[in-house]
């Protein structure tokens, strides 16, 4: 069992090229590609997958598309094509860039982080929809890229009410928020 923050050493696959032993420097070949063990950092598992990292913005204005930062148009398109992943909920706590959402159709809640302060943009008791699979939060008409810190996981047992089968979102690249495109 690997603990949170421990390093995992992955060994390269064994290769035998002629008389060359695995892991030795080849002669007469490209010396820039030497088999070395790769190292990856273990992350705390949540809901059967890795927890999203909370990464601070690396520029002002923010240009990052990591979970909890700007919404990318491709991300918004993927969210709009998967109506079965949405859960209806109510905001039960707001603490700066963190909100807690209590799900309406399940005995579960989600803790969500966003790089901007939620105070002033959402209110306690406000209805929202959360898509844990594509780390998105919809509050009113605003679609936000959200880092899901904890949640129910999996596909909801009861789908969100009133969601269209397919929804198109337009993303404002300046503020990183999506908005549903209404059909006329």
Foldseek 3Di string as FASTA:
>chain_A
DDDAFDKDWAFDDWDDDPPDGGQDQDPPDPRVDGGDIDIDTDADDAQNHGAFDDDAAPDVVRPDCGFQEFADQVLQQVVQQCQQQKFKWFWADFDFQWTKTQTDPDRKIWIKGHNGGCPPVDDGGQMWMARVVSQWIGGPFKIARIRTRHIDHDTDPDGDPPRDNGWHWDADSVRRIIGTDDDD
